[in-house]
C-alpha atoms as a PDB file:
ATOM      1  CA  MET A   1     -45.403   8.196  32.709  1.00  0.00           C
ATOM      2  CA  THR A   2     -42.449   6.323  31.251  1.00  0.00           C
ATOM      3  CA  THR A   3     -40.152   8.360  29.013  1.00  0.00           C
ATOM      4  CA  ARG A   4     -39.905   6.796  25.553  1.00  0.00           C
ATOM      5  CA  TRP A   5     -36.187   7.289  25.021  1.00  0.00           C
ATOM      6  CA  GLY A   6     -36.339   4.975  22.018  1.00  0.00           C
ATOM      7  CA  ASP A   7     -38.402   7.616  20.193  1.00  0.00           C
ATOM      8  CA  VAL A   8     -35.651  10.185  20.762  1.00  0.00           C
ATOM      9  CA  PHE A   9     -32.426   8.232  20.188  1.00  0.00           C
ATOM     10  CA  ASP A  10     -31.429   5.770  17.487  1.00  0.00           C
ATOM     11  CA  ARG A  11     -29.937   3.663  20.265  1.00  0.00           C
ATOM     12  CA  TYR A  12     -29.683   4.236  24.016  1.00  0.00           C
ATOM     13  CA  ALA A  13     -28.905   2.515  27.310  1.00  0.00           C
ATOM     14  CA  ILE A  14     -29.014   3.490  30.996  1.00  0.00           C
ATOM     15  CA  LYS A  15     -26.859   2.265  33.902  1.00  0.00           C
ATOM     16  CA  ALA A  16     -26.369   3.516  37.468  1.00  0.00           C
ATOM     17  CA  VAL A  17     -22.970   4.715  38.656  1.00  0.00           C
ATOM     18  CA  SER A  18     -21.577   2.370  41.309  1.00  0.00           C
ATOM     19  CA  ASP A  19     -19.324   2.937  44.303  1.00  0.00           C
ATOM     20  CA  ASN A  20     -16.701   0.904  42.500  1.00  0.00           C
ATOM     21  CA  ASP A  21     -16.859   3.235  39.463  1.00  0.00           C
ATOM     22  CA  LYS A  22     -16.023   6.218  41.677  1.00  0.00           C
ATOM     23  CA  ILE A  23     -13.353   4.370  43.654  1.00  0.00           C
ATOM     24  CA  LYS A  24     -11.581   3.275  40.446  1.00  0.00           C
ATOM     25  CA  ARG A  25     -12.257   6.695  38.866  1.00  0.00           C
ATOM     26  CA  ALA A  26     -13.383   4.724  35.815  1.00  0.00           C
ATOM     27  CA  TYR A  27     -16.990   4.208  34.753  1.00  0.00           C
ATOM     28  CA  VAL A  28     -17.705   0.706  33.450  1.00  0.00           C
ATOM     29  CA  PRO A  29     -20.396   0.902  30.740  1.00  0.00           C
ATOM     30  CA  SER A  30     -22.941  -1.852  30.341  1.00  0.00           C
ATOM     31  CA  GLN A  31     -22.861  -4.071  27.260  1.00  0.00           C
ATOM     32  CA  GLU A  32     -25.737  -2.034  25.831  1.00  0.00           C
ATOM     33  CA  GLN A  33     -23.837   1.198  26.451  1.00  0.00           C
ATOM     34  CA  THR A  34     -20.758  -0.149  24.672  1.00  0.00           C
ATOM     35  CA  GLU A  35     -23.046  -0.759  21.680  1.00  0.00           C
ATOM     36  CA  VAL A  36     -24.186   2.880  21.892  1.00  0.00           C
ATOM     37  CA  LEU A  37     -20.544   3.989  21.923  1.00  0.00           C
ATOM     38  CA  GLU A  38     -19.837   1.786  18.921  1.00  0.00           C
ATOM     39  CA  ALA A  39     -22.838   3.233  17.050  1.00  0.00           C
ATOM     40  CA  ALA A  40     -21.378   6.703  17.688  1.00  0.00           C
ATOM     41  CA  GLY A  41     -18.034   5.642  16.199  1.00  0.00           C
ATOM     42  CA  ARG A  42     -16.202   5.431  19.537  1.00  0.00           C
ATOM     43  CA  THR A  43     -13.683   2.600  19.881  1.00  0.00           C
ATOM     44  CA  PRO A  44     -11.701   1.845  23.052  1.00  0.00           C
ATOM     45  CA  ALA A  45      -7.960   2.477  23.162  1.00  0.00           C
ATOM     46  CA  ASP A  46      -5.777  -0.478  24.015  1.00  0.00           C
ATOM     47  CA  GLY A  47      -4.864   0.242  27.616  1.00  0.00           C
ATOM     48  CA  GLY A  48      -4.400   3.564  29.397  1.00  0.00           C
ATOM     49  CA  PRO A  49      -3.725   6.385  29.560  1.00  0.00           C
ATOM     50  CA  ALA A  50      -6.089   7.021  26.673  1.00  0.00           C
ATOM     51  CA  PRO A  51      -6.763  10.353  24.961  1.00  0.00           C
ATOM     52  CA  GLN A  52      -9.841  12.248  26.088  1.00  0.00           C
ATOM     53  CA  SER A  53     -12.565  13.548  23.777  1.00  0.00           C
ATOM     54  CA  ALA A  54     -15.662  15.638  24.404  1.00  0.00           C
ATOM     55  CA  ILE A  55     -19.140  14.147  24.806  1.00  0.00           C
ATOM     56  CA  ARG A  56     -22.277  16.298  24.524  1.00  0.00           C
ATOM     57  CA  VAL A  57     -24.085  16.655  27.894  1.00  0.00           C
ATOM     58  CA  LEU A  58     -27.867  17.078  28.038  1.00  0.00           C
ATOM     59  CA  GLY A  59     -30.075  18.452  30.789  1.00  0.00           C
ATOM     60  CA  ASP A  60     -27.294  20.083  32.800  1.00  0.00           C
ATOM     61  CA  PRO A  61     -27.432  23.903  32.824  1.00  0.00           C
ATOM     62  CA  ALA A  62     -23.890  24.067  34.226  1.00  0.00           C
ATOM     63  CA  ARG A  63     -22.218  21.929  31.550  1.00  0.00           C
ATOM     64  CA  SER A  64     -22.700  21.381  27.815  1.00  0.00           C
ATOM     65  CA  GLN A  65     -19.961  18.786  27.338  1.00  0.00           C
ATOM     66  CA  VAL A  66     -17.599  16.604  29.343  1.00  0.00           C
ATOM     67  CA  ASP A  67     -14.229  15.068  28.450  1.00  0.00           C
ATOM     68  CA  ALA A  68     -13.852  11.314  28.706  1.00  0.00           C
ATOM     69  CA  SER A  69     -11.312   8.680  27.767  1.00  0.00           C
ATOM     70  CA  TYR A  70     -12.459   5.277  26.501  1.00  0.00           C
ATOM     71  CA  TYR A  71     -10.140   2.315  26.853  1.00  0.00           C
ATOM     72  CA  ARG A  72      -9.697  -1.365  27.688  1.00  0.00           C
ATOM     73  CA  ALA A  73      -8.154  -1.943  31.128  1.00  0.00           C
ATOM     74  CA  SER A  74      -4.825  -3.672  30.506  1.00  0.00           C
ATOM     75  CA  GLY A  75      -4.728  -5.229  33.996  1.00  0.00           C
ATOM     76  CA  HIS A  76      -8.208  -6.692  33.850  1.00  0.00           C
ATOM     77  CA  PRO A  77      -8.562 -10.369  32.841  1.00  0.00           C
ATOM     78  CA  GLN A  78     -11.489  -9.607  30.503  1.00  0.00           C
ATOM     79  CA  ARG A  79      -9.910  -6.382  29.187  1.00  0.00           C
ATOM     80  CA  GLU A  80     -12.857  -4.490  30.661  1.00  0.00           C
ATOM     81  CA  ARG A  81     -13.993  -1.388  28.793  1.00  0.00           C
ATOM     82  CA  ARG A  82     -13.924   1.776  30.880  1.00  0.00           C
ATOM     83  CA  LEU A  83     -14.632   5.500  30.594  1.00  0.00           C
ATOM     84  CA  GLY A  84     -12.273   7.743  32.506  1.00  0.00           C
ATOM     85  CA  GLY A  85     -11.449  11.421  32.643  1.00  0.00           C
ATOM     86  CA  LYS A  86     -13.708  14.222  33.849  1.00  0.00           C
ATOM     87  CA  LEU A  87     -16.843  12.188  33.086  1.00  0.00           C
ATOM     88  CA  ILE A  88     -16.324  10.187  36.276  1.00  0.00           C
ATOM     89  CA  SER A  89     -13.880  12.354  38.224  1.00  0.00           C
ATOM     90  CA  GLN A  90     -15.799  15.645  38.049  1.00  0.00           C
ATOM     91  CA  TRP A  91     -19.317  15.050  36.766  1.00  0.00           C
ATOM     92  CA  LEU A  92     -20.879  11.712  37.721  1.00  0.00           C
ATOM     93  CA  GLU A  93     -21.730  10.751  41.303  1.00  0.00           C
ATOM     94  CA  VAL A  94     -22.650   7.422  42.901  1.00  0.00           C
ATOM     95  CA  ASP A  95     -26.230   6.336  42.042  1.00  0.00           C
ATOM     96  CA  ASP A  96     -26.509   8.726  39.085  1.00  0.00           C
ATOM     97  CA  GLU A  97     -28.436   6.985  36.311  1.00  0.00           C
ATOM     98  CA  LEU A  98     -26.331   7.631  33.222  1.00  0.00           C
ATOM     99  CA  LEU A  99     -28.132   7.625  29.898  1.00  0.00           C
ATOM    100  CA  MET A 100     -25.975   7.196  26.823  1.00  0.00           C
ATOM    101  CA  GLY A 101     -27.732   7.839  23.556  1.00  0.00           C
ATOM    102  CA  VAL A 102     -26.807   8.244  19.916  1.00  0.00           C
ATOM    103  CA  ARG A 103     -28.841  10.108  17.318  1.00  0.00           C
ATOM    104  CA  ASN A 104     -27.695  10.726  13.753  1.00  0.00           C
ATOM    105  CA  GLY A 105     -24.213   9.592  14.793  1.00  0.00           C
ATOM    106  CA  GLN A 106     -23.935  12.131  17.638  1.00  0.00           C
ATOM    107  CA  LEU A 107     -23.202  10.765  21.126  1.00  0.00           C
ATOM    108  CA  TYR A 108     -25.038  12.253  24.124  1.00  0.00           C
ATOM    109  CA  VAL A 109     -24.940  11.612  27.866  1.00  0.00           C
ATOM    110  CA  ALA A 110     -27.416  12.686  30.543  1.00  0.00           C
ATOM    111  CA  ARG A 111     -28.198  11.986  34.183  1.00  0.00           C
ATOM    112  CA  VAL A 112     -31.816  10.822  34.163  1.00  0.00           C
ATOM    113  CA  GLN A 113     -32.600   9.793  37.756  1.00  0.00           C
ATOM    114  CA  ASN A 114     -34.814  12.896  38.089  1.00  0.00           C
ATOM    115  CA  PRO A 115     -37.873  12.591  35.788  1.00  0.00           C
ATOM    116  CA  SER A 116     -38.422  16.357  35.895  1.00  0.00           C
ATOM    117  CA  THR A 117     -35.339  16.791  33.659  1.00  0.00           C
ATOM    118  CA  HIS A 118     -36.509  14.405  30.945  1.00  0.00           C
ATOM    119  CA  GLN A 119     -38.465  16.915  28.871  1.00  0.00           C
ATOM    120  CA  SER A 120     -35.590  19.406  28.759  1.00  0.00           C
ATOM    121  CA  ILE A 121     -33.270  16.590  27.661  1.00  0.00           C
ATOM    122  CA  ILE A 122     -35.667  15.641  24.855  1.00  0.00           C
ATOM    123  CA  ASP A 123     -35.988  19.288  23.809  1.00  0.00           C
ATOM    124  CA  GLU A 124     -32.197  19.679  23.602  1.00  0.00           C
ATOM    125  CA  VAL A 125     -31.836  16.590  21.418  1.00  0.00           C
ATOM    126  CA  LEU A 126     -34.588  17.701  19.061  1.00  0.00           C
ATOM    127  CA  LEU A 127     -33.128  21.193  18.755  1.00  0.00           C
ATOM    128  CA  ALA A 128     -29.645  19.785  18.084  1.00  0.00           C
ATOM    129  CA  SER A 129     -30.994  17.465  15.378  1.00  0.00           C
ATOM    130  CA  GLY A 130     -33.563  19.791  13.829  1.00  0.00           C
ATOM    131  CA  LEU A 131     -32.773  18.361  10.372  1.00  0.00           C
ATOM    132  CA  ALA A 132     -34.694  15.194  11.295  1.00  0.00           C
ATOM    133  CA  LEU A 133     -37.738  16.762  12.955  1.00  0.00           C
ATOM    134  CA  GLU A 134     -40.044  16.285  10.009  1.00  0.00           C
ATOM    135  CA  ASP A 135     -40.340  12.512  10.495  1.00  0.00           C
ATOM    136  CA  ASP A 136     -39.604  12.430  14.217  1.00  0.00           C
ATOM    137  CA  PRO A 137     -42.248  10.538  16.260  1.00  0.00           C
ATOM    138  CA  ALA A 138     -41.249  12.483  19.368  1.00  0.00           C
ATOM    139  CA  ALA A 139     -41.684  15.857  17.675  1.00  0.00           C
ATOM    140  CA  ASP A 140     -45.450  15.922  18.086  1.00  0.00           C
ATOM    141  CA  ILE A 141     -45.695  19.703  18.306  1.00  0.00           C
ATOM    142  CA  ALA A 142     -46.949  21.467  15.190  1.00  0.00           C
ATOM    143  CA  LEU A 143     -47.396  25.131  14.441  1.00  0.00           C
ATOM    144  CA  ASP A 144     -50.830  26.669  14.105  1.00  0.00           C
ATOM    145  CA  PRO A 145     -52.228  25.752  10.673  1.00  0.00           C
ATOM    146  CA  GLU A 146     -52.579  29.406   9.668  1.00  0.00           C
ATOM    147  CA  ASP A 147     -48.903  29.998  10.507  1.00  0.00           C
ATOM    148  CA  GLN A 148     -47.877  27.012   8.407  1.00  0.00           C
ATOM    149  CA  ALA A 149     -49.842  28.534   5.515  1.00  0.00           C
ATOM    150  CA  VAL A 150     -48.015  31.847   5.965  1.00  0.00           C
ATOM    151  CA  LEU A 151     -44.629  30.140   5.786  1.00  0.00           C
ATOM    152  CA  ALA A 152     -45.597  28.036   2.771  1.00  0.00           C
ATOM    153  CA  ALA A 153     -45.868  31.123   0.571  1.00  0.00           C
ATOM    154  CA  PRO A 154     -43.598  34.152   0.097  1.00  0.00           C
ATOM    155  CA  CYS A 155     -44.263  36.439   3.051  1.00  0.00           C
ATOM    156  CA  PRO A 156     -43.161  39.998   3.840  1.00  0.00           C
ATOM    157  CA  PRO A 157     -40.724  40.774   6.679  1.00  0.00           C
ATOM    158  CA  GLU A 158     -43.524  42.090   8.895  1.00  0.00           C
ATOM    159  CA  ALA A 159     -45.266  38.689   8.761  1.00  0.00           C
ATOM    160  CA  LEU A 160     -42.069  36.952   9.892  1.00  0.00           C
ATOM    161  CA  GLU A 161     -41.691  39.502  12.680  1.00  0.00           C
ATOM    162  CA  GLN A 162     -45.232  38.770  13.869  1.00  0.00           C
ATOM    163  CA  LEU A 163     -44.396  35.046  14.001  1.00  0.00           C
ATOM    164  CA  ARG A 164     -41.215  35.757  15.931  1.00  0.00           C
ATOM    165  CA  VAL A 165     -43.110  37.713  18.576  1.00  0.00           C
ATOM    166  CA  LYS A 166     -45.876  35.106  18.746  1.00  0.00           C
ATOM    167  CA  TYR A 167     -43.480  32.207  19.399  1.00  0.00           C
ATOM    168  CA  GLN A 168     -40.947  34.126  21.544  1.00  0.00           C
ATOM    169  CA  ASP A 169     -41.860  32.177  24.698  1.00  0.00           C
ATOM    170  CA  ALA A 170     -42.666  28.853  23.060  1.00  0.00           C
ATOM    171  CA  SER A 171     -41.019  25.596  24.093  1.00  0.00           C
ATOM    172  CA  PRO A 172     -37.763  24.536  22.394  1.00  0.00           C
ATOM    173  CA  ARG A 173     -39.638  21.894  20.401  1.00  0.00           C
ATOM    174  CA  VAL A 174     -42.047  24.461  18.965  1.00  0.00           C
ATOM    175  CA  LYS A 175     -39.148  26.775  18.070  1.00  0.00           C
ATOM    176  CA  ALA A 176     -37.365  23.877  16.382  1.00  0.00           C
ATOM    177  CA  ARG A 177     -40.503  23.165  14.371  1.00  0.00           C
ATOM    178  CA  LEU A 178     -40.750  26.850  13.422  1.00  0.00           C
ATOM    179  CA  ALA A 179     -37.130  26.836  12.219  1.00  0.00           C
ATOM    180  CA  MET A 180     -37.764  23.705  10.166  1.00  0.00           C
ATOM    181  CA  HIS A 181     -40.801  25.235   8.435  1.00  0.00           C
ATOM    182  CA  ILE A 182     -38.773  28.334   7.518  1.00  0.00           C
ATOM    183  CA  GLU A 183     -35.732  26.421   6.251  1.00  0.00           C
ATOM    184  CA  ARG A 184     -37.913  24.101   4.162  1.00  0.00           C
ATOM    185  CA  GLY A 185     -40.555  26.673   3.233  1.00  0.00           C
ATOM    186  CA  ALA A 186     -40.745  29.819   1.133  1.00  0.00           C
ATOM    187  CA  VAL A 187     -37.953  31.674   2.964  1.00  0.00           C
ATOM    188  CA  GLY A 188     -35.459  28.846   2.546  1.00  0.00           C
ATOM    189  CA  ALA A 189     -36.516  28.295  -1.058  1.00  0.00           C
ATOM    190  CA  ALA A 190     -36.002  31.973  -1.869  1.00  0.00           C
ATOM    191  CA  VAL A 191     -32.498  31.944  -0.379  1.00  0.00           C
ATOM    192  CA  LYS A 192     -31.558  28.798  -2.299  1.00  0.00           C
ATOM    193  CA  ARG A 193     -32.803  30.267  -5.584  1.00  0.00           C
ATOM    194  CA  ALA A 194     -31.023  33.571  -4.941  1.00  0.00           C
ATOM    195  CA  ARG A 195     -27.757  31.675  -4.434  1.00  0.00           C
ATOM    196  CA  GLY A 196     -28.234  29.588  -7.565  1.00  0.00           C
ATOM    197  CA  PHE A 197     -28.567  26.450  -5.415  1.00  0.00           C
ATOM    198  CA  HIS A 198     -24.870  26.622  -4.543  1.00  0.00           C
ATOM    199  CA  CYS A 199     -23.397  25.768  -1.137  1.00  0.00           C
ATOM    200  CA  GLN A 200     -22.068  29.088   0.110  1.00  0.00           C
ATOM    201  CA  LEU A 201     -19.414  27.417   2.258  1.00  0.00           C
ATOM    202  CA  CYS A 202     -18.133  25.298  -0.623  1.00  0.00           C
ATOM    203  CA  GLN A 203     -17.948  28.423  -2.773  1.00  0.00           C
ATOM    204  CA  ALA A 204     -15.952  30.277  -0.115  1.00  0.00           C
ATOM    205  CA  LEU A 205     -13.577  27.322   0.201  1.00  0.00           C
ATOM    206  CA  GLY A 206     -13.084  27.034  -3.564  1.00  0.00           C
ATOM    207  CA  LEU A 207     -14.781  23.630  -3.740  1.00  0.00           C
ATOM    208  CA  PRO A 208     -17.404  22.334  -6.197  1.00  0.00           C
ATOM    209  CA  SER A 209     -20.563  23.912  -4.831  1.00  0.00           C
ATOM    210  CA  LEU A 210     -23.440  22.313  -6.759  1.00  0.00           C
ATOM    211  CA  GLY A 211     -24.926  19.092  -5.455  1.00  0.00           C
ATOM    212  CA  PHE A 212     -26.698  16.325  -7.306  1.00  0.00           C
ATOM    213  CA  PHE A 213     -29.692  17.131  -9.482  1.00  0.00           C
ATOM    214  CA  LYS A 214     -33.127  16.175  -8.225  1.00  0.00           C
ATOM    215  CA  ARG A 215     -35.784  14.607 -10.452  1.00  0.00           C
ATOM    216  CA  SER A 216     -37.134  18.120 -11.026  1.00  0.00           C
ATOM    217  CA  GLY A 217     -33.781  19.105 -12.547  1.00  0.00           C
ATOM    218  CA  GLU A 218     -33.059  21.464  -9.648  1.00  0.00           C
ATOM    219  CA  PRO A 219     -29.716  21.063  -7.818  1.00  0.00           C
ATOM    220  CA  TYR A 220     -30.067  19.784  -4.260  1.00  0.00           C
ATOM    221  CA  VAL A 221     -29.038  22.190  -1.500  1.00  0.00           C
ATOM    222  CA  GLU A 222     -30.272  22.888   2.019  1.00  0.00           C
ATOM    223  CA  ALA A 223     -31.113  26.046   3.981  1.00  0.00           C
ATOM    224  CA  HIS A 224     -29.580  26.717   7.389  1.00  0.00           C
ATOM    225  CA  HIS A 225     -30.342  29.274  10.116  1.00  0.00           C
ATOM    226  CA  VAL A 226     -26.931  30.667  11.031  1.00  0.00           C
ATOM    227  CA  MET A 227     -27.783  32.280  14.362  1.00  0.00           C
ATOM    228  CA  PRO A 228     -29.934  29.875  16.456  1.00  0.00           C
ATOM    229  CA  VAL A 229     -33.674  30.323  16.395  1.00  0.00           C
ATOM    230  CA  SER A 230     -33.939  29.220  20.036  1.00  0.00           C
ATOM    231  CA  ALA A 231     -33.646  32.820  21.317  1.00  0.00           C
ATOM    232  CA  LEU A 232     -35.895  34.247  18.547  1.00  0.00           C
ATOM    233  CA  LEU A 233     -33.982  37.507  18.357  1.00  0.00           C
ATOM    234  CA  PRO A 234     -35.207  40.222  15.966  1.00  0.00           C
ATOM    235  CA  GLY A 235     -34.488  39.245  12.360  1.00  0.00           C
ATOM    236  CA  SER A 236     -33.661  35.630  13.212  1.00  0.00           C
ATOM    237  CA  LEU A 237     -36.510  34.272  11.066  1.00  0.00           C
ATOM    238  CA  GLY A 238     -35.722  36.341   7.984  1.00  0.00           C
ATOM    239  CA  PRO A 239     -33.620  35.463   4.933  1.00  0.00           C
ATOM    240  CA  ARG A 240     -30.618  37.482   6.166  1.00  0.00           C
ATOM    241  CA  ASN A 241     -30.140  34.805   8.834  1.00  0.00           C
ATOM    242  CA  VAL A 242     -30.345  31.922   6.338  1.00  0.00           C
ATOM    243  CA  ILE A 243     -27.628  30.547   4.048  1.00  0.00           C
ATOM    244  CA  SER A 244     -27.632  27.754   1.485  1.00  0.00           C
ATOM    245  CA  VAL A 245     -25.368  24.800   2.284  1.00  0.00           C
ATOM    246  CA  CYS A 246     -24.724  21.301   0.997  1.00  0.00           C
ATOM    247  CA  ALA A 247     -25.862  18.360   3.115  1.00  0.00           C
ATOM    248  CA  GLY A 248     -22.308  17.635   4.232  1.00  0.00           C
ATOM    249  CA  HIS A 249     -21.617  21.127   5.499  1.00  0.00           C
ATOM    250  CA  HIS A 250     -25.081  21.284   7.086  1.00  0.00           C
ATOM    251  CA  ARG A 251     -24.273  18.224   9.179  1.00  0.00           C
ATOM    252  CA  GLN A 252     -20.805  19.554   9.971  1.00  0.00           C
ATOM    253  CA  ILE A 253     -22.254  22.848  11.233  1.00  0.00           C
ATOM    254  CA  HIS A 254     -24.570  20.960  13.594  1.00  0.00           C
ATOM    255  CA  TYR A 255     -22.191  18.262  14.802  1.00  0.00           C
ATOM    256  CA  GLY A 256     -18.625  19.211  13.882  1.00  0.00           C
ATOM    257  CA  ASN A 257     -15.915  21.509  15.187  1.00  0.00           C
ATOM    258  CA  VAL A 258     -17.548  24.678  13.846  1.00  0.00           C
ATOM    259  CA  THR A 259     -18.072  28.129  15.358  1.00  0.00           C
ATOM    260  CA  VAL A 260     -19.636  31.219  13.794  1.00  0.00           C
ATOM    261  CA  ALA A 261     -19.365  34.959  14.345  1.00  0.00           C
ATOM    262  CA  GLU A 262     -21.956  37.432  13.081  1.00  0.00           C
ATOM    263  CA  LEU A 263     -20.958  40.515  11.071  1.00  0.00           C
ATOM    264  CA  PRO A 264     -23.162  43.315   9.720  1.00  0.00           C
ATOM    265  CA  ASP A 265     -22.798  42.051   6.152  1.00  0.00           C
ATOM    266  CA  GLY A 266     -22.230  38.346   6.710  1.00  0.00           C
ATOM    267  CA  PHE A 267     -20.865  35.564   8.885  1.00  0.00           C
ATOM    268  CA  VAL A 268     -17.425  34.143   9.633  1.00  0.00           C
ATOM    269  CA  PHE A 269     -17.385  30.385  10.137  1.00  0.00           C
ATOM    270  CA  THR A 270     -14.390  28.674  11.713  1.00  0.00           C
ATOM    271  CA  ILE A 271     -14.362  25.092  10.441  1.00  0.00           C
ATOM    272  CA  ASP A 272     -11.601  22.926  11.906  1.00  0.00           C
ATOM    273  CA  ASN A 273      -9.494  26.064  12.491  1.00  0.00           C
ATOM    274  CA  THR A 274     -10.086  27.387   8.952  1.00  0.00           C
ATOM    275  CA  GLN A 275     -11.983  30.689   8.713  1.00  0.00           C
ATOM    276  CA  VAL A 276     -14.627  31.006   5.993  1.00  0.00           C
ATOM    277  CA  ARG A 277     -16.584  34.192   5.329  1.00  0.00           C
ATOM    278  CA  VAL A 278     -19.985  34.204   3.636  1.00  0.00           C
ATOM    279  CA  SER A 279     -22.220  37.179   2.847  1.00  0.00           C
ATOM    280  CA  ARG A 280     -25.763  37.710   4.058  1.00  0.00           C
ATOM    281  CA  ASN A 281     -28.697  37.139   1.743  1.00  0.00           C
END
């Protein structure tokens, strides 16, 4: 069965690593891969040595990211575009089939010569971009209808705990779907109302915290699971693990330079080296 990478990524391309790539210690992307890099906002430096930046790695349990430089070779007559750094010196090997994909502006790389890794790669992408699961053609896993009904209405903590236990060993795609239903369902709605539809991070930073007003007259804000749902730890589905955030901060949490630490009464986010504390709901 052929993997439909086009259903997972906005744009993607695959090319095998050559002997020459390893000898030069510089991977030469295909024309299609340069278009993927461009779609992810990556532009080549004019000649080396070029600065290195991290790229998200999929399907590799030993590595979640790899540093790479992207530049035009000054000594090459066509100013060939190349990727250097640890991507080629420490990670890729000859005959690896390198997939480069971009989804929602995020650049990913994966070695896809082994079809048995494809599903885990897809699962990782869908978990990382859970905001888009609702309309995702690859996210064909739905929760049981009765569980969807539970999440659509206000439900007591014991009902959420039963769902957590039920889906503890589910696939990453099912857990991502569960998280989406909670963020967009009754639990997320209750958190947003309790916070007056304000972005809690904007409030902590002293920024305007109300978004635009929807047709209903309600300010737009999103719900976010702070500690990942992937492990389904006790309490992870409840409102104390959910905060209200603006769309910009929601994207930044998923794709930006953001870390979070859990406290008994709240969370400490580090956003581009600035610490921000928000209370639990």
